[in-house]
Amino acid sequence: DEVEVPTLDGKVSLKIPPGTQSGKFFRFRGKGIPHLQGYGKGDELVRIVVWTPTRLSSEEKELLKKLKGMSGTRPPKGGRSFFDKLKDTLGM
């Protein structure tokens, strides 16, 4: 997906790769605040925040169950998957 990100110089486009996890940072070199000595600019950091809904309709729940069955990747061992956390939230 691609999103527009505001910077001090105007908007720039950020392409977010599939599988990007919440909390990941992207860096825009030279798009931050000017250095105190006046030589160039710093970098702007953009943090990705993935929003997880707390209330789902029955249709949305069904779609998530189908998506879970299609997923070919698994979370790292020791961690809880998105679907496990979602089940806890929904009381399933």
N, C-alpha and C. Protein backbone atom coordinates (compact mmCIF):
# COMPACT_ATOMS: atom_id res chain seq x y z
N ASP A 1 0.84 -1.18 0.00
CA ASP A 1 0.00 0.00 0.00
C ASP A 1 0.89 1.24 0.00
N GLU A 2 0.33 2.32 -0.45
CA GLU A 2 1.08 3.57 -0.50
C GLU A 2 0.27 4.66 0.21
N VAL A 3 0.96 5.43 1.06
CA VAL A 3 0.30 6.51 1.80
C VAL A 3 1.09 7.80 1.63
N GLU A 4 0.39 8.92 1.78
CA GLU A 4 1.03 10.23 1.75
C GLU A 4 1.40 10.61 3.18
N VAL A 5 2.64 11.05 3.37
CA VAL A 5 3.14 11.42 4.70
C VAL A 5 3.52 12.90 4.67
N PRO A 6 2.99 13.71 5.60
CA PRO A 6 3.37 15.12 5.63
C PRO A 6 4.79 15.29 6.18
N THR A 7 5.55 16.16 5.53
CA THR A 7 6.89 16.52 6.01
C THR A 7 6.97 18.05 6.05
N LEU A 8 8.07 18.58 6.51
CA LEU A 8 8.25 20.03 6.55
C LEU A 8 8.29 20.63 5.15
N ASP A 9 8.66 19.83 4.14
CA ASP A 9 8.76 20.29 2.76
C ASP A 9 7.53 19.96 1.93
N GLY A 10 6.50 19.41 2.54
CA GLY A 10 5.32 18.97 1.79
C GLY A 10 5.13 17.47 1.94
N LYS A 11 4.16 16.95 1.23
CA LYS A 11 3.85 15.52 1.35
C LYS A 11 4.79 14.68 0.49
N VAL A 12 5.14 13.50 1.03
CA VAL A 12 5.92 12.51 0.28
C VAL A 12 5.18 11.19 0.34
N SER A 13 5.44 10.35 -0.63
CA SER A 13 4.77 9.06 -0.72
C SER A 13 5.60 8.00 0.00
N LEU A 14 4.94 7.15 0.77
CA LEU A 14 5.59 6.05 1.48
C LEU A 14 4.94 4.75 1.05
N LYS A 15 5.72 3.85 0.48
CA LYS A 15 5.22 2.54 0.09
C LYS A 15 5.45 1.59 1.27
N ILE A 16 4.36 1.04 1.79
CA ILE A 16 4.44 0.14 2.94
C ILE A 16 4.42 -1.29 2.42
N PRO A 17 5.51 -2.05 2.61
CA PRO A 17 5.57 -3.42 2.10
C PRO A 17 4.59 -4.34 2.83
N PRO A 18 4.09 -5.37 2.13
CA PRO A 18 3.21 -6.34 2.79
C PRO A 18 3.93 -6.98 3.98
N GLY A 19 3.21 -7.23 5.05
CA GLY A 19 3.78 -7.87 6.23
C GLY A 19 4.44 -6.91 7.19
N THR A 20 4.37 -5.61 6.93
CA THR A 20 4.97 -4.63 7.83
C THR A 20 4.27 -4.69 9.18
N GLN A 21 5.02 -4.81 10.25
CA GLN A 21 4.47 -4.96 11.59
C GLN A 21 4.30 -3.60 12.26
N SER A 22 3.36 -3.55 13.20
CA SER A 22 3.15 -2.34 13.98
C SER A 22 4.42 -2.02 14.76
N GLY A 23 4.78 -0.75 14.80
CA GLY A 23 5.98 -0.33 15.52
C GLY A 23 7.20 -0.14 14.63
N LYS A 24 7.13 -0.60 13.38
CA LYS A 24 8.28 -0.44 12.46
C LYS A 24 8.44 1.04 12.10
N PHE A 25 9.71 1.46 11.97
CA PHE A 25 10.03 2.83 11.59
C PHE A 25 10.53 2.89 10.16
N PHE A 26 10.14 3.94 9.45
CA PHE A 26 10.68 4.26 8.14
C PHE A 26 11.35 5.62 8.26
N ARG A 27 12.46 5.81 7.51
CA ARG A 27 13.25 7.03 7.61
C ARG A 27 13.19 7.79 6.28
N PHE A 28 12.89 9.09 6.39
CA PHE A 28 12.98 9.99 5.24
C PHE A 28 14.23 10.84 5.46
N ARG A 29 15.28 10.53 4.74
CA ARG A 29 16.55 11.25 4.91
C ARG A 29 16.43 12.69 4.42
N GLY A 30 16.88 13.62 5.27
CA GLY A 30 16.90 15.03 4.89
C GLY A 30 15.54 15.71 4.89
N LYS A 31 14.52 15.08 5.46
CA LYS A 31 13.17 15.66 5.47
C LYS A 31 12.77 16.16 6.86
N GLY A 32 13.71 16.16 7.80
CA GLY A 32 13.39 16.56 9.17
C GLY A 32 13.72 18.02 9.45
N ILE A 33 13.99 18.29 10.71
CA ILE A 33 14.26 19.65 11.19
C ILE A 33 15.68 20.06 10.79
N PRO A 34 15.88 21.33 10.39
CA PRO A 34 17.22 21.80 10.02
C PRO A 34 18.19 21.70 11.21
N HIS A 35 19.46 21.39 10.89
CA HIS A 35 20.49 21.33 11.93
C HIS A 35 20.73 22.72 12.51
N LEU A 36 21.15 22.79 13.76
CA LEU A 36 21.37 24.07 14.43
C LEU A 36 22.43 24.93 13.74
N GLN A 37 23.47 24.30 13.19
CA GLN A 37 24.53 25.06 12.53
C GLN A 37 24.12 25.50 11.12
N GLY A 38 22.95 25.07 10.66
CA GLY A 38 22.47 25.49 9.35
C GLY A 38 22.95 24.64 8.19
N TYR A 39 23.61 23.51 8.46
CA TYR A 39 24.12 22.66 7.39
C TYR A 39 23.21 21.45 7.21
N GLY A 40 22.27 21.54 6.29
CA GLY A 40 21.41 20.40 6.00
C GLY A 40 20.28 20.22 7.00
N LYS A 41 19.59 19.13 6.81
CA LYS A 41 18.45 18.80 7.67
C LYS A 41 18.61 17.39 8.23
N GLY A 42 17.93 17.15 9.33
CA GLY A 42 17.90 15.82 9.91
C GLY A 42 16.91 14.93 9.18
N ASP A 43 16.72 13.74 9.71
CA ASP A 43 15.80 12.78 9.10
C ASP A 43 14.45 12.82 9.81
N GLU A 44 13.41 12.52 9.07
CA GLU A 44 12.08 12.36 9.66
C GLU A 44 11.80 10.87 9.78
N LEU A 45 11.40 10.45 10.98
CA LEU A 45 11.06 9.05 11.21
C LEU A 45 9.54 8.91 11.24
N VAL A 46 9.04 7.88 10.57
CA VAL A 46 7.61 7.59 10.53
C VAL A 46 7.42 6.22 11.14
N ARG A 47 6.58 6.15 12.18
CA ARG A 47 6.31 4.87 12.85
C ARG A 47 4.97 4.34 12.39
N ILE A 48 4.93 3.06 12.05
CA ILE A 48 3.70 2.41 11.61
C ILE A 48 2.92 1.95 12.84
N VAL A 49 1.65 2.28 12.88
CA VAL A 49 0.76 1.83 13.95
C VAL A 49 -0.39 1.09 13.30
N VAL A 50 -0.51 -0.20 13.62
CA VAL A 50 -1.60 -1.01 13.08
C VAL A 50 -2.74 -1.00 14.08
N TRP A 51 -3.89 -0.56 13.63
CA TRP A 51 -5.07 -0.48 14.48
C TRP A 51 -5.82 -1.80 14.41
N THR A 52 -6.16 -2.35 15.57
CA THR A 52 -6.91 -3.59 15.65
C THR A 52 -8.29 -3.28 16.19
N PRO A 53 -9.35 -3.61 15.43
CA PRO A 53 -10.70 -3.31 15.90
C PRO A 53 -11.06 -4.12 17.14
N THR A 54 -11.86 -3.53 18.02
CA THR A 54 -12.28 -4.24 19.23
C THR A 54 -13.68 -4.82 19.09
N ARG A 55 -14.46 -4.30 18.16
CA ARG A 55 -15.80 -4.83 17.93
C ARG A 55 -15.94 -5.18 16.45
N LEU A 56 -16.39 -6.40 16.20
CA LEU A 56 -16.55 -6.87 14.83
C LEU A 56 -17.97 -7.37 14.62
N SER A 57 -18.46 -7.18 13.40
CA SER A 57 -19.76 -7.75 13.05
C SER A 57 -19.57 -9.25 12.81
N SER A 58 -20.66 -9.98 12.74
CA SER A 58 -20.56 -11.42 12.50
C SER A 58 -19.92 -11.69 11.14
N GLU A 59 -20.20 -10.84 10.16
CA GLU A 59 -19.61 -11.00 8.83
C GLU A 59 -18.09 -10.78 8.89
N GLU A 60 -17.65 -9.78 9.65
CA GLU A 60 -16.22 -9.51 9.80
C GLU A 60 -15.52 -10.66 10.51
N LYS A 61 -16.17 -11.22 11.53
CA LYS A 61 -15.60 -12.37 12.24
C LYS A 61 -15.42 -13.55 11.28
N GLU A 62 -16.43 -13.78 10.45
CA GLU A 62 -16.37 -14.88 9.50
C GLU A 62 -15.25 -14.67 8.48
N LEU A 63 -15.10 -13.45 8.02
CA LEU A 63 -14.02 -13.14 7.07
C LEU A 63 -12.65 -13.35 7.71
N LEU A 64 -12.49 -12.98 8.98
CA LEU A 64 -11.21 -13.20 9.67
C LEU A 64 -10.91 -14.68 9.84
N LYS A 65 -11.94 -15.47 10.10
CA LYS A 65 -11.75 -16.92 10.21
C LYS A 65 -11.28 -17.50 8.87
N LYS A 66 -11.87 -17.02 7.77
CA LYS A 66 -11.45 -17.48 6.45
C LYS A 66 -10.01 -17.05 6.17
N LEU A 67 -9.68 -15.83 6.53
CA LEU A 67 -8.33 -15.33 6.34
C LEU A 67 -7.32 -16.15 7.14
N LYS A 68 -7.69 -16.51 8.34
CA LYS A 68 -6.80 -17.31 9.19
C LYS A 68 -6.50 -18.65 8.51
N GLY A 69 -7.51 -19.25 7.90
CA GLY A 69 -7.31 -20.52 7.21
C GLY A 69 -6.42 -20.41 5.98
N MET A 70 -6.36 -19.23 5.38
CA MET A 70 -5.57 -19.02 4.17
C MET A 70 -4.12 -18.65 4.47
N SER A 71 -3.84 -18.17 5.65
CA SER A 71 -2.51 -17.67 5.98
C SER A 71 -1.48 -18.78 5.90
N GLY A 72 -0.41 -18.53 5.14
CA GLY A 72 0.64 -19.52 5.00
C GLY A 72 1.78 -19.33 5.97
N THR A 73 1.79 -18.23 6.70
CA THR A 73 2.87 -17.97 7.64
C THR A 73 2.35 -18.06 9.07
N ARG A 74 3.23 -18.33 9.95
CA ARG A 74 2.89 -18.44 11.37
C ARG A 74 3.74 -17.46 12.16
N PRO A 75 3.23 -16.98 13.30
CA PRO A 75 4.04 -16.08 14.13
C PRO A 75 5.21 -16.83 14.75
N PRO A 76 6.25 -16.12 15.16
CA PRO A 76 7.38 -16.78 15.81
C PRO A 76 6.93 -17.50 17.07
N LYS A 77 7.61 -18.61 17.36
CA LYS A 77 7.25 -19.37 18.57
C LYS A 77 7.45 -18.52 19.80
N GLY A 78 6.56 -18.69 20.75
CA GLY A 78 6.63 -17.93 21.99
C GLY A 78 5.77 -16.69 21.94
N GLY A 79 5.47 -16.20 20.75
CA GLY A 79 4.61 -15.03 20.60
C GLY A 79 3.18 -15.45 20.31
N ARG A 80 2.27 -14.60 20.62
CA ARG A 80 0.87 -14.88 20.34
C ARG A 80 0.51 -14.25 19.01
N SER A 81 -0.26 -14.96 18.21
CA SER A 81 -0.63 -14.45 16.90
C SER A 81 -1.70 -13.37 17.02
N PHE A 82 -1.87 -12.65 15.95
CA PHE A 82 -2.93 -11.64 15.87
C PHE A 82 -4.28 -12.27 16.16
N PHE A 83 -4.51 -13.46 15.61
CA PHE A 83 -5.81 -14.11 15.78
C PHE A 83 -6.03 -14.58 17.22
N ASP A 84 -4.96 -15.02 17.90
CA ASP A 84 -5.09 -15.38 19.32
C ASP A 84 -5.47 -14.16 20.15
N LYS A 85 -4.83 -13.03 19.88
CA LYS A 85 -5.16 -11.80 20.60
C LYS A 85 -6.58 -11.35 20.27
N LEU A 86 -6.96 -11.49 19.01
CA LEU A 86 -8.31 -11.12 18.58
C LEU A 86 -9.35 -12.00 19.27
N LYS A 87 -9.07 -13.29 19.37
CA LYS A 87 -10.00 -14.21 20.05
C LYS A 87 -10.18 -13.80 21.51
N ASP A 88 -9.08 -13.44 22.18
CA ASP A 88 -9.17 -13.00 23.57
C ASP A 88 -10.03 -11.75 23.68
N THR A 89 -9.84 -10.82 22.76
CA THR A 89 -10.60 -9.57 22.77
C THR A 89 -12.08 -9.84 22.57
N LEU A 90 -12.39 -10.79 21.68
CA LEU A 90 -13.78 -11.10 21.37
C LEU A 90 -14.39 -12.10 22.35
N GLY A 91 -13.58 -12.65 23.23
CA GLY A 91 -14.08 -13.62 24.20
C GLY A 91 -14.38 -14.97 23.57
N MET A 92 -13.65 -15.32 22.54
CA MET A 92 -13.89 -16.59 21.83
C MET A 92 -13.04 -17.70 22.41
